[in-house]
């Protein structure tokens, strides 16, 4: 999935959470939810670095271990200081999964 979509979805989650009053949001929370996008740095370990039709769950080191990342992310949901980092990781993996399903990779 392309980066602007990740940023838009994460920003939407942050704003919606604040509007609904589910959690008291801070600017640090916004930074944390966007920093979850750093999981995509594992693309640098693949050759070629960018390929539009590549399945990230088969070729990128961190994405290959998606089950471990999800367990850690769900654990973060119960610890308020890193709540939005966990939400961001879950949304990153979910959007990558949607990308795979849409493009049938």
C-alpha atoms as a PDB file:
ATOM      1  CA  UNK A   1       0.000   0.000   0.000  1.00  0.00           C
ATOM      2  CA  UNK A   2       1.330   3.430  -0.772  1.00  0.00           C
ATOM      3  CA  UNK A   3       2.432   5.742   2.029  1.00  0.00           C
ATOM      4  CA  UNK A   4      -0.217   8.498   1.570  1.00  0.00           C
ATOM      5  CA  UNK A   5      -2.971   5.940   2.166  1.00  0.00           C
ATOM      6  CA  UNK A   6      -1.275   4.752   5.368  1.00  0.00           C
ATOM      7  CA  UNK A   7      -0.900   8.343   6.581  1.00  0.00           C
ATOM      8  CA  UNK A   8      -4.501   9.214   5.684  1.00  0.00           C
ATOM      9  CA  UNK A   9      -5.942   6.174   7.454  1.00  0.00           C
ATOM     10  CA  UNK A  10      -3.767   6.691  10.550  1.00  0.00           C
ATOM     11  CA  UNK A  11      -4.705  10.384  10.669  1.00  0.00           C
ATOM     12  CA  UNK A  12      -8.363   9.467  10.333  1.00  0.00           C
ATOM     13  CA  UNK A  13      -8.138   6.963  13.186  1.00  0.00           C
ATOM     14  CA  UNK A  14      -6.433   9.570  15.371  1.00  0.00           C
ATOM     15  CA  UNK A  15      -9.013  12.274  14.594  1.00  0.00           C
ATOM     16  CA  UNK A  16     -11.966   9.900  14.970  1.00  0.00           C
ATOM     17  CA  UNK A  17     -10.689   8.653  18.313  1.00  0.00           C
ATOM     18  CA  UNK A  18     -10.381  12.239  19.521  1.00  0.00           C
ATOM     19  CA  UNK A  19     -13.810  13.289  18.206  1.00  0.00           C
ATOM     20  CA  UNK A  20     -15.591  10.313  19.758  1.00  0.00           C
ATOM     21  CA  UNK A  21     -13.865  10.922  23.067  1.00  0.00           C
ATOM     22  CA  UNK A  22     -12.769   7.310  23.391  1.00  0.00           C
ATOM     23  CA  UNK A  23      -9.355   8.380  24.645  1.00  0.00           C
ATOM     24  CA  UNK A  24      -7.862  11.742  25.539  1.00  0.00           C
ATOM     25  CA  UNK A  25      -5.538  12.293  22.564  1.00  0.00           C
ATOM     26  CA  UNK A  26      -2.307  14.275  22.577  1.00  0.00           C
ATOM     27  CA  UNK A  27       0.072  15.389  19.829  1.00  0.00           C
ATOM     28  CA  UNK A  28       2.458  12.644  20.979  1.00  0.00           C
ATOM     29  CA  UNK A  29      -0.236  10.094  20.115  1.00  0.00           C
ATOM     30  CA  UNK A  30      -0.301  11.436  16.550  1.00  0.00           C
ATOM     31  CA  UNK A  31       3.473  11.064  16.331  1.00  0.00           C
ATOM     32  CA  UNK A  32       3.233   7.500  17.654  1.00  0.00           C
ATOM     33  CA  UNK A  33       0.532   6.411  15.216  1.00  0.00           C
ATOM     34  CA  UNK A  34       2.505   7.820  12.289  1.00  0.00           C
ATOM     35  CA  UNK A  35       5.774   6.314  13.546  1.00  0.00           C
ATOM     36  CA  UNK A  36       4.226   2.864  13.194  1.00  0.00           C
ATOM     37  CA  UNK A  37       4.921   3.397   9.492  1.00  0.00           C
ATOM     38  CA  UNK A  38       8.580   2.758  10.261  1.00  0.00           C
ATOM     39  CA  UNK A  39       7.716  -0.937  10.014  1.00  0.00           C
ATOM     40  CA  UNK A  40       7.954  -0.362   6.264  1.00  0.00           C
ATOM     41  CA  UNK A  41      11.694   0.261   6.555  1.00  0.00           C
ATOM     42  CA  UNK A  42      12.062  -3.479   6.092  1.00  0.00           C
ATOM     43  CA  UNK A  43      11.443  -2.797   2.399  1.00  0.00           C
ATOM     44  CA  UNK A  44      15.065  -1.620   2.278  1.00  0.00           C
ATOM     45  CA  UNK A  45      16.186  -5.214   2.934  1.00  0.00           C
ATOM     46  CA  UNK A  46      14.514  -6.455  -0.266  1.00  0.00           C
ATOM     47  CA  UNK A  47      15.972  -6.411  -3.748  1.00  0.00           C
ATOM     48  CA  UNK A  48      14.846  -4.434  -5.637  1.00  0.00           C
ATOM     49  CA  UNK A  49      13.928  -2.018  -2.869  1.00  0.00           C
ATOM     50  CA  UNK A  50      10.632  -1.115  -4.533  1.00  0.00           C
ATOM     51  CA  UNK A  51       8.519  -3.387  -6.670  1.00  0.00           C
ATOM     52  CA  UNK A  52       4.830  -2.489  -7.072  1.00  0.00           C
ATOM     53  CA  UNK A  53       3.574  -6.082  -7.353  1.00  0.00           C
ATOM     54  CA  UNK A  54       5.495  -7.691  -4.499  1.00  0.00           C
ATOM     55  CA  UNK A  55       3.787  -9.423  -1.579  1.00  0.00           C
ATOM     56  CA  UNK A  56       5.313  -7.817   1.541  1.00  0.00           C
ATOM     57  CA  UNK A  57       4.318 -10.763   3.747  1.00  0.00           C
ATOM     58  CA  UNK A  58       6.543 -13.063   1.692  1.00  0.00           C
ATOM     59  CA  UNK A  59       9.552 -10.852   1.013  1.00  0.00           C
ATOM     60  CA  UNK A  60      10.042  -8.310   3.815  1.00  0.00           C
ATOM     61  CA  UNK A  61      11.681  -9.514   7.051  1.00  0.00           C
ATOM     62  CA  UNK A  62       9.394  -7.803   9.584  1.00  0.00           C
ATOM     63  CA  UNK A  63       6.245  -8.475   7.573  1.00  0.00           C
ATOM     64  CA  UNK A  64       7.154 -12.180   7.391  1.00  0.00           C
ATOM     65  CA  UNK A  65       6.819 -12.261  11.181  1.00  0.00           C
ATOM     66  CA  UNK A  66       3.415 -10.582  11.112  1.00  0.00           C
ATOM     67  CA  UNK A  67       1.978 -12.836  13.811  1.00  0.00           C
ATOM     68  CA  UNK A  68       4.595 -11.722  16.331  1.00  0.00           C
ATOM     69  CA  UNK A  69       4.086  -8.074  15.377  1.00  0.00           C
ATOM     70  CA  UNK A  70       0.317  -8.438  15.869  1.00  0.00           C
ATOM     71  CA  UNK A  71       0.748 -10.007  19.317  1.00  0.00           C
ATOM     72  CA  UNK A  72       3.030  -7.141  20.347  1.00  0.00           C
ATOM     73  CA  UNK A  73       0.641  -4.563  18.840  1.00  0.00           C
ATOM     74  CA  UNK A  74      -2.386  -6.003  20.644  1.00  0.00           C
ATOM     75  CA  UNK A  75      -0.360  -5.982  23.858  1.00  0.00           C
ATOM     76  CA  UNK A  76       0.301  -2.283  23.335  1.00  0.00           C
ATOM     77  CA  UNK A  77      -3.445  -1.630  23.260  1.00  0.00           C
ATOM     78  CA  UNK A  78      -3.585  -2.272  27.014  1.00  0.00           C
ATOM     79  CA  UNK A  79      -0.727   0.101  27.887  1.00  0.00           C
ATOM     80  CA  UNK A  80      -1.840   3.726  27.405  1.00  0.00           C
ATOM     81  CA  UNK A  81       1.540   5.359  26.639  1.00  0.00           C
ATOM     82  CA  UNK A  82       1.958   3.222  23.497  1.00  0.00           C
ATOM     83  CA  UNK A  83      -1.709   2.680  22.648  1.00  0.00           C
ATOM     84  CA  UNK A  84      -1.502   4.589  19.380  1.00  0.00           C
ATOM     85  CA  UNK A  85       1.698   2.830  18.351  1.00  0.00           C
ATOM     86  CA  UNK A  86      -0.186  -0.465  18.646  1.00  0.00           C
ATOM     87  CA  UNK A  87      -3.129   0.922  16.686  1.00  0.00           C
ATOM     88  CA  UNK A  88      -0.728   2.156  14.014  1.00  0.00           C
ATOM     89  CA  UNK A  89       0.985  -1.226  13.696  1.00  0.00           C
ATOM     90  CA  UNK A  90      -2.345  -2.997  13.371  1.00  0.00           C
ATOM     91  CA  UNK A  91      -3.501  -0.547  10.705  1.00  0.00           C
ATOM     92  CA  UNK A  92      -0.214  -0.906   8.798  1.00  0.00           C
ATOM     93  CA  UNK A  93      -0.534  -4.679   8.640  1.00  0.00           C
ATOM     94  CA  UNK A  94      -4.243  -4.483   7.834  1.00  0.00           C
ATOM     95  CA  UNK A  95      -3.683  -2.060   4.941  1.00  0.00           C
ATOM     96  CA  UNK A  96      -0.884  -4.256   3.571  1.00  0.00           C
ATOM     97  CA  UNK A  97      -3.240  -7.240   3.758  1.00  0.00           C
ATOM     98  CA  UNK A  98      -5.932  -5.253   1.892  1.00  0.00           C
ATOM     99  CA  UNK A  99      -3.315  -4.341  -0.737  1.00  0.00           C
ATOM    100  CA  UNK A 100      -2.518  -8.015  -1.266  1.00  0.00           C
ATOM    101  CA  UNK A 101      -6.199  -8.918  -1.603  1.00  0.00           C
ATOM    102  CA  UNK A 102      -6.977  -6.062  -4.010  1.00  0.00           C
ATOM    103  CA  UNK A 103      -4.031  -6.797  -6.305  1.00  0.00           C
ATOM    104  CA  UNK A 104      -4.197 -10.585  -5.813  1.00  0.00           C
ATOM    105  CA  UNK A 105      -0.497 -10.969  -5.005  1.00  0.00           C
END
